[in-house]
Amino acid sequence: MADDDEELMREINRQADRAEEMRPARMDRYALAATLAGRFQQHGTDEIEKMITGVWLLPQPEAEQEQPLLL
């Protein structure tokens, strides 16, 4: 099962690389997640969508990142 998880992440990263090359204005992450869920059935569509979001969202520049609260 771990091999399937690694293969899923490789596929998500490949899709992210393709998207970066094409730079679409908009993308339906849920539709892509539903497609991948058909192949990787041990993961639900919502879980895969979160994985896609984690890979595809760009980190904010340091100045814009939320600073931790010091107690």
N, C-alpha and C. Protein backbone atom coordinates (compact mmCIF):
# COMPACT_ATOMS: atom_id res chain seq x y z
N MET A 1 0.82 -1.19 0.00
CA MET A 1 0.00 0.00 0.00
C MET A 1 0.87 1.26 0.00
N ALA A 2 2.00 1.22 0.66
CA ALA A 2 2.89 2.39 0.68
C ALA A 2 3.37 2.71 -0.73
N ASP A 3 3.58 1.67 -1.53
CA ASP A 3 4.00 1.90 -2.92
C ASP A 3 2.92 2.66 -3.69
N ASP A 4 1.64 2.31 -3.45
CA ASP A 4 0.55 3.03 -4.10
C ASP A 4 0.52 4.49 -3.67
N ASP A 5 0.78 4.74 -2.38
CA ASP A 5 0.80 6.11 -1.88
C ASP A 5 1.91 6.91 -2.55
N GLU A 6 3.06 6.29 -2.69
CA GLU A 6 4.18 6.97 -3.34
C GLU A 6 3.87 7.22 -4.82
N GLU A 7 3.24 6.25 -5.47
CA GLU A 7 2.87 6.42 -6.87
C GLU A 7 1.84 7.54 -7.02
N LEU A 8 0.89 7.61 -6.09
CA LEU A 8 -0.11 8.68 -6.12
C LEU A 8 0.58 10.04 -6.01
N MET A 9 1.50 10.20 -5.08
CA MET A 9 2.18 11.48 -4.92
C MET A 9 3.03 11.81 -6.15
N ARG A 10 3.65 10.81 -6.76
CA ARG A 10 4.40 11.06 -8.00
C ARG A 10 3.46 11.56 -9.09
N GLU A 11 2.29 10.93 -9.19
CA GLU A 11 1.32 11.35 -10.21
C GLU A 11 0.81 12.76 -9.95
N ILE A 12 0.53 13.09 -8.70
CA ILE A 12 0.09 14.45 -8.36
C ILE A 12 1.19 15.45 -8.72
N ASN A 13 2.43 15.12 -8.42
CA ASN A 13 3.54 16.01 -8.75
C ASN A 13 3.72 16.15 -10.26
N ARG A 14 3.53 15.05 -11.00
CA ARG A 14 3.60 15.14 -12.46
C ARG A 14 2.52 16.07 -13.00
N GLN A 15 1.32 15.94 -12.44
CA GLN A 15 0.22 16.79 -12.88
C GLN A 15 0.52 18.25 -12.52
N ALA A 16 1.11 18.48 -11.37
CA ALA A 16 1.47 19.84 -10.96
C ALA A 16 2.52 20.43 -11.91
N ASP A 17 3.49 19.60 -12.29
CA ASP A 17 4.50 20.06 -13.25
C ASP A 17 3.86 20.43 -14.58
N ARG A 18 2.94 19.60 -15.06
CA ARG A 18 2.25 19.90 -16.32
C ARG A 18 1.45 21.19 -16.20
N ALA A 19 0.78 21.35 -15.08
CA ALA A 19 -0.03 22.56 -14.88
C ALA A 19 0.87 23.80 -14.85
N GLU A 20 2.02 23.68 -14.22
CA GLU A 20 2.95 24.80 -14.17
C GLU A 20 3.39 25.19 -15.58
N GLU A 21 3.63 24.18 -16.41
CA GLU A 21 4.04 24.45 -17.79
C GLU A 21 2.93 25.14 -18.58
N MET A 22 1.69 24.72 -18.35
CA MET A 22 0.57 25.27 -19.11
C MET A 22 -0.03 26.50 -18.43
N ARG A 23 0.18 26.65 -17.16
CA ARG A 23 -0.35 27.76 -16.36
C ARG A 23 -1.80 28.11 -16.68
N PRO A 24 -2.70 27.20 -16.39
CA PRO A 24 -4.11 27.50 -16.65
C PRO A 24 -4.61 28.61 -15.73
N ALA A 25 -5.54 29.39 -16.22
CA ALA A 25 -6.11 30.46 -15.41
C ALA A 25 -6.91 29.88 -14.24
N ARG A 26 -7.60 28.78 -14.48
CA ARG A 26 -8.40 28.14 -13.45
C ARG A 26 -8.28 26.63 -13.60
N MET A 27 -8.52 25.94 -12.50
CA MET A 27 -8.46 24.49 -12.53
C MET A 27 -9.46 23.92 -11.55
N ASP A 28 -10.10 22.86 -11.92
CA ASP A 28 -11.05 22.20 -11.06
C ASP A 28 -10.32 21.07 -10.32
N ARG A 29 -9.80 21.42 -9.14
CA ARG A 29 -9.04 20.42 -8.36
C ARG A 29 -9.90 19.23 -8.00
N TYR A 30 -11.17 19.47 -7.71
CA TYR A 30 -12.05 18.38 -7.31
C TYR A 30 -12.25 17.40 -8.46
N ALA A 31 -12.38 17.90 -9.68
CA ALA A 31 -12.55 17.02 -10.85
C ALA A 31 -11.30 16.16 -11.04
N LEU A 32 -10.12 16.76 -10.89
CA LEU A 32 -8.88 15.99 -11.00
C LEU A 32 -8.81 14.96 -9.88
N ALA A 33 -9.18 15.36 -8.66
CA ALA A 33 -9.16 14.43 -7.53
C ALA A 33 -10.12 13.26 -7.78
N ALA A 34 -11.29 13.54 -8.32
CA ALA A 34 -12.25 12.48 -8.61
C ALA A 34 -11.69 11.51 -9.65
N THR A 35 -11.00 12.04 -10.63
CA THR A 35 -10.38 11.19 -11.65
C THR A 35 -9.31 10.30 -11.03
N LEU A 36 -8.45 10.90 -10.20
CA LEU A 36 -7.39 10.12 -9.55
C LEU A 36 -7.96 9.11 -8.55
N ALA A 37 -9.08 9.45 -7.91
CA ALA A 37 -9.69 8.54 -6.94
C ALA A 37 -10.17 7.26 -7.62
N GLY A 38 -10.51 7.35 -8.89
CA GLY A 38 -10.90 6.15 -9.62
C GLY A 38 -9.74 5.18 -9.78
N ARG A 39 -8.54 5.71 -9.84
CA ARG A 39 -7.34 4.87 -9.98
C ARG A 39 -6.76 4.47 -8.63
N PHE A 40 -6.81 5.38 -7.67
CA PHE A 40 -6.26 5.15 -6.34
C PHE A 40 -7.42 5.04 -5.35
N GLN A 41 -8.10 3.92 -5.39
CA GLN A 41 -9.38 3.76 -4.69
C GLN A 41 -9.25 3.71 -3.17
N GLN A 42 -8.05 3.51 -2.64
CA GLN A 42 -7.89 3.49 -1.19
C GLN A 42 -7.94 4.90 -0.60
N HIS A 43 -7.96 5.93 -1.47
CA HIS A 43 -8.05 7.32 -1.03
C HIS A 43 -9.35 7.92 -1.54
N GLY A 44 -10.00 8.69 -0.68
CA GLY A 44 -11.23 9.36 -1.10
C GLY A 44 -10.94 10.62 -1.91
N THR A 45 -11.94 11.07 -2.64
CA THR A 45 -11.78 12.26 -3.47
C THR A 45 -11.38 13.48 -2.64
N ASP A 46 -12.02 13.66 -1.49
CA ASP A 46 -11.69 14.82 -0.64
C ASP A 46 -10.24 14.77 -0.16
N GLU A 47 -9.78 13.57 0.20
CA GLU A 47 -8.39 13.41 0.66
C GLU A 47 -7.41 13.75 -0.47
N ILE A 48 -7.69 13.26 -1.66
CA ILE A 48 -6.81 13.54 -2.80
C ILE A 48 -6.85 15.02 -3.15
N GLU A 49 -8.01 15.64 -3.05
CA GLU A 49 -8.09 17.09 -3.33
C GLU A 49 -7.20 17.86 -2.36
N LYS A 50 -7.17 17.47 -1.09
CA LYS A 50 -6.29 18.13 -0.12
C LYS A 50 -4.82 17.92 -0.49
N MET A 51 -4.50 16.72 -0.97
CA MET A 51 -3.13 16.44 -1.38
C MET A 51 -2.75 17.31 -2.58
N ILE A 52 -3.66 17.43 -3.53
CA ILE A 52 -3.41 18.27 -4.71
C ILE A 52 -3.20 19.71 -4.28
N THR A 53 -4.06 20.20 -3.40
CA THR A 53 -3.95 21.57 -2.92
C THR A 53 -2.59 21.80 -2.25
N GLY A 54 -2.15 20.83 -1.46
CA GLY A 54 -0.86 20.96 -0.78
C GLY A 54 0.31 21.02 -1.74
N VAL A 55 0.21 20.32 -2.85
CA VAL A 55 1.29 20.31 -3.84
C VAL A 55 1.25 21.55 -4.72
N TRP A 56 0.06 21.97 -5.11
CA TRP A 56 -0.07 23.02 -6.12
C TRP A 56 -0.06 24.43 -5.59
N LEU A 57 -0.43 24.63 -4.34
CA LEU A 57 -0.45 26.00 -3.82
C LEU A 57 0.97 26.47 -3.56
N LEU A 58 1.26 27.65 -4.00
CA LEU A 58 2.60 28.21 -3.82
C LEU A 58 2.73 28.77 -2.41
N PRO A 59 3.89 28.60 -1.79
CA PRO A 59 4.09 29.20 -0.47
C PRO A 59 4.11 30.72 -0.57
N GLN A 60 3.65 31.36 0.49
CA GLN A 60 3.66 32.82 0.51
C GLN A 60 5.07 33.31 0.79
N PRO A 61 5.42 34.49 0.27
CA PRO A 61 6.72 35.06 0.63
C PRO A 61 6.79 35.24 2.15
N GLU A 62 7.99 35.19 2.69
CA GLU A 62 8.16 35.25 4.14
C GLU A 62 7.49 36.47 4.77
N ALA A 63 7.57 37.61 4.12
CA ALA A 63 7.00 38.84 4.69
C ALA A 63 5.49 38.74 4.85
N GLU A 64 4.84 37.93 4.02
CA GLU A 64 3.40 37.82 4.06
C GLU A 64 2.90 36.66 4.91
N GLN A 65 3.80 35.78 5.34
CA GLN A 65 3.39 34.65 6.14
C GLN A 65 2.95 35.11 7.52
N GLU A 66 1.96 34.40 8.04
CA GLU A 66 1.47 34.74 9.37
C GLU A 66 2.54 34.42 10.39
N GLN A 67 2.82 35.38 11.25
CA GLN A 67 3.84 35.20 12.27
C GLN A 67 3.23 34.46 13.47
N PRO A 68 3.97 33.54 14.09
CA PRO A 68 3.45 32.83 15.26
C PRO A 68 3.28 33.78 16.44
N LEU A 69 2.31 33.49 17.26
CA LEU A 69 2.09 34.30 18.45
C LEU A 69 3.07 33.85 19.54
N LEU A 70 3.68 34.80 20.16
CA LEU A 70 4.60 34.50 21.26
C LEU A 70 3.87 34.73 22.56
N LEU A 71 3.82 33.70 23.39
CA LEU A 71 3.12 33.81 24.68
C LEU A 71 4.09 33.96 25.81
